[in-house]
Amino acid sequence: MALARDPDGQYEVHRHGIYFVMYSDSAEVTCMIARRALNVMRVRYHPVPSVEELFLMRRARIERAASDKFESRQPSVTRVVSLDRSDVDF
């Protein structure tokens, strides 16, 4: 089952990446996209956006990638999805 976006759309910017929440049924799934993935992609834009701006610009694609990765993996006890640049089609 595909993950659903957090209705509040909240996210947190951290040193290693941006964390956001999605839901599988009623269970919360913590997702994180690595800062290095965003840094690699942001230099392709002019003017160069901040990591947070790039996340917001590409949020739908990032959330879709998190959902795809969550669905394709083996059932796991942890509800964490970690994304890197190879996981997202920017």
PDB file of N, CA and C in Angstrom:
ATOM      1  N   MET A   1       0.838  -1.182   0.000  1.00  0.00           N
ATOM      2  CA  MET A   1       0.000   0.000   0.000  1.00  0.00           C
ATOM      3  C   MET A   1       0.885   1.249   0.000  1.00  0.00           C
ATOM      4  N   ALA A   2       0.516   2.207  -0.795  1.00  0.00           N
ATOM      5  CA  ALA A   2       1.300   3.437  -0.903  1.00  0.00           C
ATOM      6  C   ALA A   2       1.214   4.254   0.388  1.00  0.00           C
ATOM      7  N   LEU A   3       2.292   4.959   0.656  1.00  0.00           N
ATOM      8  CA  LEU A   3       2.298   5.836   1.818  1.00  0.00           C
ATOM      9  C   LEU A   3       1.495   7.096   1.511  1.00  0.00           C
ATOM     10  N   ALA A   4       0.868   7.630   2.529  1.00  0.00           N
ATOM     11  CA  ALA A   4       0.103   8.869   2.391  1.00  0.00           C
ATOM     12  C   ALA A   4       0.868  10.006   3.055  1.00  0.00           C
ATOM     13  N   ARG A   5       0.734  11.176   2.473  1.00  0.00           N
ATOM     14  CA  ARG A   5       1.413  12.367   3.001  1.00  0.00           C
ATOM     15  C   ARG A   5       0.808  12.789   4.331  1.00  0.00           C
ATOM     16  N   ASP A   6       1.649  13.309   5.177  1.00  0.00           N
ATOM     17  CA  ASP A   6       1.198  13.876   6.451  1.00  0.00           C
ATOM     18  C   ASP A   6       0.315  15.079   6.128  1.00  0.00           C
ATOM     19  N   PRO A   7      -0.920  15.104   6.631  1.00  0.00           N
ATOM     20  CA  PRO A   7      -1.814  16.226   6.312  1.00  0.00           C
ATOM     21  C   PRO A   7      -1.254  17.587   6.721  1.00  0.00           C
ATOM     22  N   ASP A   8      -0.433  17.612   7.761  1.00  0.00           N
ATOM     23  CA  ASP A   8       0.158  18.884   8.195  1.00  0.00           C
ATOM     24  C   ASP A   8       1.346  19.283   7.335  1.00  0.00           C
ATOM     25  N   GLY A   9       1.923  18.327   6.611  1.00  0.00           N
ATOM     26  CA  GLY A   9       3.052  18.625   5.740  1.00  0.00           C
ATOM     27  C   GLY A   9       4.304  19.080   6.460  1.00  0.00           C
ATOM     28  N   GLN A  10       4.437  18.697   7.715  1.00  0.00           N
ATOM     29  CA  GLN A  10       5.587  19.148   8.491  1.00  0.00           C
ATOM     30  C   GLN A  10       6.854  18.407   8.083  1.00  0.00           C
ATOM     31  N   TYR A  11       7.965  19.093   8.231  1.00  0.00           N
ATOM     32  CA  TYR A  11       9.273  18.500   7.967  1.00  0.00           C
ATOM     33  C   TYR A  11      10.279  19.199   8.862  1.00  0.00           C
ATOM     34  N   GLU A  12      11.435  18.557   9.033  1.00  0.00           N
ATOM     35  CA  GLU A  12      12.493  19.145   9.854  1.00  0.00           C
ATOM     36  C   GLU A  12      13.809  19.066   9.099  1.00  0.00           C
ATOM     37  N   VAL A  13      14.521  20.172   9.073  1.00  0.00           N
ATOM     38  CA  VAL A  13      15.824  20.225   8.430  1.00  0.00           C
ATOM     39  C   VAL A  13      16.881  19.927   9.485  1.00  0.00           C
ATOM     40  N   HIS A  14      17.708  18.931   9.208  1.00  0.00           N
ATOM     41  CA  HIS A  14      18.776  18.544  10.120  1.00  0.00           C
ATOM     42  C   HIS A  14      20.104  18.564   9.371  1.00  0.00           C
ATOM     43  N   ARG A  15      21.147  18.374  10.099  1.00  0.00           N
ATOM     44  CA  ARG A  15      22.503  18.399   9.531  1.00  0.00           C
ATOM     45  C   ARG A  15      22.694  17.357   8.425  1.00  0.00           C
ATOM     46  N   HIS A  16      22.110  16.175   8.598  1.00  0.00           N
ATOM     47  CA  HIS A  16      22.327  15.085   7.648  1.00  0.00           C
ATOM     48  C   HIS A  16      21.226  14.946   6.609  1.00  0.00           C
ATOM     49  N   GLY A  17      20.154  15.685   6.754  1.00  0.00           N
ATOM     50  CA  GLY A  17      19.079  15.572   5.776  1.00  0.00           C
ATOM     51  C   GLY A  17      17.803  16.224   6.251  1.00  0.00           C
ATOM     52  N   ILE A  18      16.749  15.989   5.496  1.00  0.00           N
ATOM     53  CA  ILE A  18      15.438  16.528   5.838  1.00  0.00           C
ATOM     54  C   ILE A  18      14.532  15.355   6.183  1.00  0.00           C
ATOM     55  N   TYR A  19      13.917  15.440   7.346  1.00  0.00           N
ATOM     56  CA  TYR A  19      13.033  14.400   7.834  1.00  0.00           C
ATOM     57  C   TYR A  19      11.584  14.839   7.628  1.00  0.00           C
ATOM     58  N   PHE A  20      10.755  13.895   7.218  1.00  0.00           N
ATOM     59  CA  PHE A  20       9.334  14.165   7.062  1.00  0.00           C
ATOM     60  C   PHE A  20       8.572  12.887   7.392  1.00  0.00           C
ATOM     61  N   VAL A  21       7.288  13.022   7.665  1.00  0.00           N
ATOM     62  CA  VAL A  21       6.463  11.894   8.083  1.00  0.00           C
ATOM     63  C   VAL A  21       5.449  11.577   6.997  1.00  0.00           C
ATOM     64  N   MET A  22       5.239  10.272   6.787  1.00  0.00           N
ATOM     65  CA  MET A  22       4.169   9.797   5.916  1.00  0.00           C
ATOM     66  C   MET A  22       3.443   8.703   6.688  1.00  0.00           C
ATOM     67  N   TYR A  23       2.325   8.246   6.162  1.00  0.00           N
ATOM     68  CA  TYR A  23       1.523   7.259   6.882  1.00  0.00           C
ATOM     69  C   TYR A  23       1.227   6.034   6.031  1.00  0.00           C
ATOM     70  N   SER A  24       1.348   4.867   6.670  1.00  0.00           N
ATOM     71  CA  SER A  24       0.936   3.597   6.087  1.00  0.00           C
ATOM     72  C   SER A  24      -0.250   3.164   6.925  1.00  0.00           C
ATOM     73  N   ASP A  25      -1.449   3.251   6.356  1.00  0.00           N
ATOM     74  CA  ASP A  25      -2.688   3.103   7.122  1.00  0.00           C
ATOM     75  C   ASP A  25      -2.644   4.160   8.228  1.00  0.00           C
ATOM     76  N   SER A  26      -2.654   3.750   9.473  1.00  0.00           N
ATOM     77  CA  SER A  26      -2.592   4.749  10.540  1.00  0.00           C
ATOM     78  C   SER A  26      -1.214   4.789  11.196  1.00  0.00           C
ATOM     79  N   ALA A  27      -0.292   3.960  10.697  1.00  0.00           N
ATOM     80  CA  ALA A  27       1.056   3.909  11.280  1.00  0.00           C
ATOM     81  C   ALA A  27       1.942   4.987  10.679  1.00  0.00           C
ATOM     82  N   GLU A  28       2.669   5.660  11.545  1.00  0.00           N
ATOM     83  CA  GLU A  28       3.573   6.728  11.117  1.00  0.00           C
ATOM     84  C   GLU A  28       4.874   6.128  10.586  1.00  0.00           C
ATOM     85  N   VAL A  29       5.320   6.630   9.446  1.00  0.00           N
ATOM     86  CA  VAL A  29       6.585   6.211   8.839  1.00  0.00           C
ATOM     87  C   VAL A  29       7.478   7.444   8.748  1.00  0.00           C
ATOM     88  N   THR A  30       8.656   7.372   9.351  1.00  0.00           N
ATOM     89  CA  THR A  30       9.601   8.481   9.292  1.00  0.00           C
ATOM     90  C   THR A  30      10.452   8.331   8.044  1.00  0.00           C
ATOM     91  N   CYS A  31      10.527   9.391   7.268  1.00  0.00           N
ATOM     92  CA  CYS A  31      11.303   9.380   6.029  1.00  0.00           C
ATOM     93  C   CYS A  31      12.395  10.438   6.122  1.00  0.00           C
ATOM     94  N   MET A  32      13.518  10.163   5.473  1.00  0.00           N
ATOM     95  CA  MET A  32      14.626  11.108   5.465  1.00  0.00           C
ATOM     96  C   MET A  32      15.280  11.079   4.105  1.00  0.00           C
ATOM     97  N   ILE A  33      15.511  12.265   3.543  1.00  0.00           N
ATOM     98  CA  ILE A  33      16.311  12.367   2.328  1.00  0.00           C
ATOM     99  C   ILE A  33      17.647  12.981   2.736  1.00  0.00           C
ATOM    100  N   ALA A  34      18.704  12.333   2.309  1.00  0.00           N
ATOM    101  CA  ALA A  34      20.053  12.749   2.694  1.00  0.00           C
ATOM    102  C   ALA A  34      20.387  14.128   2.123  1.00  0.00           C
ATOM    103  N   ARG A  35      21.037  14.927   2.923  1.00  0.00           N
ATOM    104  CA  ARG A  35      21.461  16.263   2.495  1.00  0.00           C
ATOM    105  C   ARG A  35      22.385  16.173   1.286  1.00  0.00           C
ATOM    106  N   ARG A  36      23.250  15.152   1.252  1.00  0.00           N
ATOM    107  CA  ARG A  36      24.176  15.034   0.120  1.00  0.00           C
ATOM    108  C   ARG A  36      23.428  14.822  -1.192  1.00  0.00           C
ATOM    109  N   ALA A  37      22.298  14.132  -1.152  1.00  0.00           N
ATOM    110  CA  ALA A  37      21.485  13.937  -2.358  1.00  0.00           C
ATOM    111  C   ALA A  37      20.926  15.269  -2.843  1.00  0.00           C
ATOM    112  N   LEU A  38      20.448  16.060  -1.913  1.00  0.00           N
ATOM    113  CA  LEU A  38      19.902  17.365  -2.274  1.00  0.00           C
ATOM    114  C   LEU A  38      21.002  18.315  -2.743  1.00  0.00           C
ATOM    115  N   ASN A  39      22.172  18.254  -2.112  1.00  0.00           N
ATOM    116  CA  ASN A  39      23.284  19.122  -2.523  1.00  0.00           C
ATOM    117  C   ASN A  39      23.728  18.844  -3.948  1.00  0.00           C
ATOM    118  N   VAL A  40      23.780  17.576  -4.323  1.00  0.00           N
ATOM    119  CA  VAL A  40      24.188  17.206  -5.678  1.00  0.00           C
ATOM    120  C   VAL A  40      23.203  17.768  -6.694  1.00  0.00           C
ATOM    121  N   MET A  41      21.922  17.707  -6.377  1.00  0.00           N
ATOM    122  CA  MET A  41      20.900  18.136  -7.329  1.00  0.00           C
ATOM    123  C   MET A  41      20.700  19.653  -7.373  1.00  0.00           C
ATOM    124  N   ARG A  42      20.911  20.322  -6.270  1.00  0.00           N
ATOM    125  CA  ARG A  42      20.582  21.751  -6.243  1.00  0.00           C
ATOM    126  C   ARG A  42      21.491  22.600  -7.103  1.00  0.00           C
ATOM    127  N   VAL A  43      22.724  22.151  -7.367  1.00  0.00           N
ATOM    128  CA  VAL A  43      23.633  22.944  -8.182  1.00  0.00           C
ATOM    129  C   VAL A  43      23.226  22.963  -9.656  1.00  0.00           C
ATOM    130  N   ARG A  44      22.252  22.161 -10.034  1.00  0.00           N
ATOM    131  CA  ARG A  44      21.760  22.144 -11.419  1.00  0.00           C
ATOM    132  C   ARG A  44      20.793  23.282 -11.709  1.00  0.00           C
ATOM    133  N   TYR A  45      20.400  24.007 -10.675  1.00  0.00           N
ATOM    134  CA  TYR A  45      19.439  25.090 -10.834  1.00  0.00           C
ATOM    135  C   TYR A  45      20.146  26.441 -10.762  1.00  0.00           C
ATOM    136  N   HIS A  46      19.588  27.411 -11.470  1.00  0.00           N
ATOM    137  CA  HIS A  46      20.119  28.775 -11.433  1.00  0.00           C
ATOM    138  C   HIS A  46      18.969  29.723 -11.192  1.00  0.00           C
ATOM    139  N   PRO A  47      18.997  30.522 -10.155  1.00  0.00           N
ATOM    140  CA  PRO A  47      20.014  30.537  -9.109  1.00  0.00           C
ATOM    141  C   PRO A  47      19.934  29.267  -8.267  1.00  0.00           C
ATOM    142  N   VAL A  48      21.015  28.949  -7.603  1.00  0.00           N
ATOM    143  CA  VAL A  48      21.091  27.729  -6.798  1.00  0.00           C
ATOM    144  C   VAL A  48      20.192  27.888  -5.563  1.00  0.00           C
ATOM    145  N   PRO A  49      19.184  27.006  -5.424  1.00  0.00           N
ATOM    146  CA  PRO A  49      18.302  27.102  -4.248  1.00  0.00           C
ATOM    147  C   PRO A  49      18.965  26.495  -3.016  1.00  0.00           C
ATOM    148  N   SER A  50      18.420  26.812  -1.866  1.00  0.00           N
ATOM    149  CA  SER A  50      18.894  26.167  -0.639  1.00  0.00           C
ATOM    150  C   SER A  50      18.406  24.717  -0.649  1.00  0.00           C
ATOM    151  N   VAL A  51      18.963  23.902   0.232  1.00  0.00           N
ATOM    152  CA  VAL A  51      18.537  22.505   0.348  1.00  0.00           C
ATOM    153  C   VAL A  51      17.036  22.444   0.669  1.00  0.00           C
ATOM    154  N   GLU A  52      16.607  23.298   1.569  1.00  0.00           N
ATOM    155  CA  GLU A  52      15.188  23.319   1.946  1.00  0.00           C
ATOM    156  C   GLU A  52      14.303  23.728   0.773  1.00  0.00           C
ATOM    157  N   GLU A  53      14.723  24.730   0.005  1.00  0.00           N
ATOM    158  CA  GLU A  53      13.948  25.157  -1.164  1.00  0.00           C
ATOM    159  C   GLU A  53      13.847  24.033  -2.197  1.00  0.00           C
ATOM    160  N   LEU A  54      14.933  23.309  -2.411  1.00  0.00           N
ATOM    161  CA  LEU A  54      14.906  22.199  -3.360  1.00  0.00           C
ATOM    162  C   LEU A  54      13.964  21.106  -2.858  1.00  0.00           C
ATOM    163  N   PHE A  55      14.009  20.817  -1.566  1.00  0.00           N
ATOM    164  CA  PHE A  55      13.089  19.828  -0.994  1.00  0.00           C
ATOM    165  C   PHE A  55      11.644  20.236  -1.266  1.00  0.00           C
ATOM    166  N   LEU A  56      11.316  21.487  -1.019  1.00  0.00           N
ATOM    167  CA  LEU A  56       9.943  21.949  -1.232  1.00  0.00           C
ATOM    168  C   LEU A  56       9.561  21.935  -2.708  1.00  0.00           C
ATOM    169  N   MET A  57      10.506  22.268  -3.586  1.00  0.00           N
ATOM    170  CA  MET A  57      10.242  22.251  -5.030  1.00  0.00           C
ATOM    171  C   MET A  57       9.979  20.839  -5.543  1.00  0.00           C
ATOM    172  N   ARG A  58      10.674  19.874  -4.984  1.00  0.00           N
ATOM    173  CA  ARG A  58      10.601  18.484  -5.468  1.00  0.00           C
ATOM    174  C   ARG A  58       9.939  17.540  -4.463  1.00  0.00           C
ATOM    175  N   ARG A  59       9.193  18.099  -3.552  1.00  0.00           N
ATOM    176  CA  ARG A  59       8.621  17.288  -2.474  1.00  0.00           C
ATOM    177  C   ARG A  59       7.749  16.143  -2.984  1.00  0.00           C
ATOM    178  N   ALA A  60       6.914  16.371  -3.968  1.00  0.00           N
ATOM    179  CA  ALA A  60       6.033  15.313  -4.479  1.00  0.00           C
ATOM    180  C   ALA A  60       6.850  14.133  -5.005  1.00  0.00           C
ATOM    181  N   ARG A  61       7.921  14.418  -5.743  1.00  0.00           N
ATOM    182  CA  ARG A  61       8.775  13.341  -6.247  1.00  0.00           C
ATOM    183  C   ARG A  61       9.488  12.605  -5.125  1.00  0.00           C
ATOM    184  N   ILE A  62       9.931  13.359  -4.136  1.00  0.00           N
ATOM    185  CA  ILE A  62      10.627  12.759  -2.994  1.00  0.00           C
ATOM    186  C   ILE A  62       9.672  11.861  -2.211  1.00  0.00           C
ATOM    187  N   GLU A  63       8.453  12.332  -1.993  1.00  0.00           N
ATOM    188  CA  GLU A  63       7.466  11.524  -1.274  1.00  0.00           C
ATOM    189  C   GLU A  63       7.086  10.274  -2.065  1.00  0.00           C
ATOM    190  N   ARG A  64       6.974  10.395  -3.382  1.00  0.00           N
ATOM    191  CA  ARG A  64       6.679   9.234  -4.223  1.00  0.00           C
ATOM    192  C   ARG A  64       7.805   8.206  -4.140  1.00  0.00           C
ATOM    193  N   ALA A  65       9.040   8.678  -4.148  1.00  0.00           N
ATOM    194  CA  ALA A  65      10.196   7.779  -4.024  1.00  0.00           C
ATOM    195  C   ALA A  65      10.191   7.070  -2.670  1.00  0.00           C
ATOM    196  N   ALA A  66       9.841   7.786  -1.612  1.00  0.00           N
ATOM    197  CA  ALA A  66       9.770   7.180  -0.276  1.00  0.00           C
ATOM    198  C   ALA A  66       8.694   6.099  -0.247  1.00  0.00           C
ATOM    199  N   SER A  67       7.567   6.385  -0.853  1.00  0.00           N
ATOM    200  CA  SER A  67       6.476   5.421  -0.898  1.00  0.00           C
ATOM    201  C   SER A  67       6.885   4.181  -1.698  1.00  0.00           C
ATOM    202  N   ASP A  68       7.512   4.393  -2.846  1.00  0.00           N
ATOM    203  CA  ASP A  68       7.971   3.268  -3.680  1.00  0.00           C
ATOM    204  C   ASP A  68       8.987   2.408  -2.936  1.00  0.00           C
ATOM    205  N   LYS A  69       9.918   3.056  -2.260  1.00  0.00           N
ATOM    206  CA  LYS A  69      10.950   2.315  -1.527  1.00  0.00           C
ATOM    207  C   LYS A  69      10.325   1.542  -0.365  1.00  0.00           C
ATOM    208  N   PHE A  70       9.367   2.140   0.316  1.00  0.00           N
ATOM    209  CA  PHE A  70       8.696   1.473   1.423  1.00  0.00           C
ATOM    210  C   PHE A  70       7.948   0.238   0.930  1.00  0.00           C
ATOM    211  N   GLU A  71       7.276   0.356  -0.211  1.00  0.00           N
ATOM    212  CA  GLU A  71       6.504  -0.756  -0.759  1.00  0.00           C
ATOM    213  C   GLU A  71       7.386  -1.887  -1.271  1.00  0.00           C
ATOM    214  N   SER A  72       8.555  -1.572  -1.787  1.00  0.00           N
ATOM    215  CA  SER A  72       9.386  -2.576  -2.438  1.00  0.00           C
ATOM    216  C   SER A  72      10.274  -3.374  -1.490  1.00  0.00           C
ATOM    217  N   ARG A  73      10.385  -2.951  -0.267  1.00  0.00           N
ATOM    218  CA  ARG A  73      11.294  -3.646   0.643  1.00  0.00           C
ATOM    219  C   ARG A  73      10.567  -4.745   1.419  1.00  0.00           C
ATOM    220  N   GLN A  74      11.359  -5.567   2.052  1.00  0.00           N
ATOM    221  CA  GLN A  74      10.820  -6.640   2.882  1.00  0.00           C
ATOM    222  C   GLN A  74      10.108  -6.033   4.083  1.00  0.00           C
ATOM    223  N   PRO A  75       9.062  -6.690   4.557  1.00  0.00           N
ATOM    224  CA  PRO A  75       8.407  -6.172   5.769  1.00  0.00           C
ATOM    225  C   PRO A  75       9.441  -6.003   6.884  1.00  0.00           C
ATOM    226  N   SER A  76       9.359  -4.899   7.535  1.00  0.00           N
ATOM    227  CA  SER A  76      10.375  -4.564   8.526  1.00  0.00           C
ATOM    228  C   SER A  76       9.731  -4.099   9.820  1.00  0.00           C
ATOM    229  N   VAL A  77      10.439  -4.287  10.895  1.00  0.00           N
ATOM    230  CA  VAL A  77       9.945  -3.830  12.189  1.00  0.00           C
ATOM    231  C   VAL A  77      10.038  -2.315  12.261  1.00  0.00           C
ATOM    232  N   THR A  78      11.065  -1.766  11.634  1.00  0.00           N
ATOM    233  CA  THR A  78      11.241  -0.320  11.680  1.00  0.00           C
ATOM    234  C   THR A  78      10.366   0.347  10.634  1.00  0.00           C
ATOM    235  N   ARG A  79       9.919   1.496  10.949  1.00  0.00           N
ATOM    236  CA  ARG A  79       9.111   2.278  10.013  1.00  0.00           C
ATOM    237  C   ARG A  79       9.901   3.522   9.637  1.00  0.00           C
ATOM    238  N   VAL A  80      11.054   3.275   9.014  1.00  0.00           N
ATOM    239  CA  VAL A  80      11.946   4.352   8.602  1.00  0.00           C
ATOM    240  C   VAL A  80      12.335   4.117   7.151  1.00  0.00           C
ATOM    241  N   VAL A  81      12.263   5.170   6.340  1.00  0.00           N
ATOM    242  CA  VAL A  81      12.693   5.100   4.942  1.00  0.00           C
ATOM    243  C   VAL A  81      13.776   6.150   4.756  1.00  0.00           C
ATOM    244  N   SER A  82      14.936   5.709   4.312  1.00  0.00           N
ATOM    245  CA  SER A  82      16.061   6.607   4.067  1.00  0.00           C
ATOM    246  C   SER A  82      16.302   6.686   2.572  1.00  0.00           C
ATOM    247  N   LEU A  83      16.319   7.908   2.036  1.00  0.00           N
ATOM    248  CA  LEU A  83      16.486   8.111   0.593  1.00  0.00           C
ATOM    249  C   LEU A  83      17.835   8.744   0.292  1.00  0.00           C
ATOM    250  N   ASP A  84      18.421   8.308  -0.816  1.00  0.00           N
ATOM    251  CA  ASP A  84      19.633   8.933  -1.331  1.00  0.00           C
ATOM    252  C   ASP A  84      19.359   9.331  -2.771  1.00  0.00           C
ATOM    253  N   ARG A  85      20.309   9.928  -3.442  1.00  0.00           N
ATOM    254  CA  ARG A  85      20.038  10.464  -4.776  1.00  0.00           C
ATOM    255  C   ARG A  85      19.649   9.394  -5.790  1.00  0.00           C
ATOM    256  N   SER A  86      20.087   8.149  -5.589  1.00  0.00           N
ATOM    257  CA  SER A  86      19.725   7.084  -6.519  1.00  0.00           C
ATOM    258  C   SER A  86      18.251   6.668  -6.373  1.00  0.00           C
ATOM    259  N   ASP A  87      17.615   7.064  -5.286  1.00  0.00           N
ATOM    260  CA  ASP A  87      16.214   6.699  -5.046  1.00  0.00           C
ATOM    261  C   ASP A  87      15.219   7.677  -5.657  1.00  0.00           C
ATOM    262  N   VAL A  88      15.652   8.898  -5.962  1.00  0.00           N
ATOM    263  CA  VAL A  88      14.745   9.947  -6.396  1.00  0.00           C
ATOM    264  C   VAL A  88      15.071  10.384  -7.816  1.00  0.00           C
ATOM    265  N   ASP A  89      14.030  10.464  -8.641  1.00  0.00           N
ATOM    266  CA  ASP A  89      14.191  10.982  -9.993  1.00  0.00           C
ATOM    267  C   ASP A  89      13.902  12.488  -9.942  1.00  0.00           C
ATOM    268  N   PHE A  90      14.973  13.266  -9.770  1.00  0.00           N
ATOM    269  CA  PHE A  90      14.806  14.713  -9.661  1.00  0.00           C
ATOM    270  C   PHE A  90      14.444  15.304 -11.002  1.00  0.00           C
TER     271      PHE A  90
END
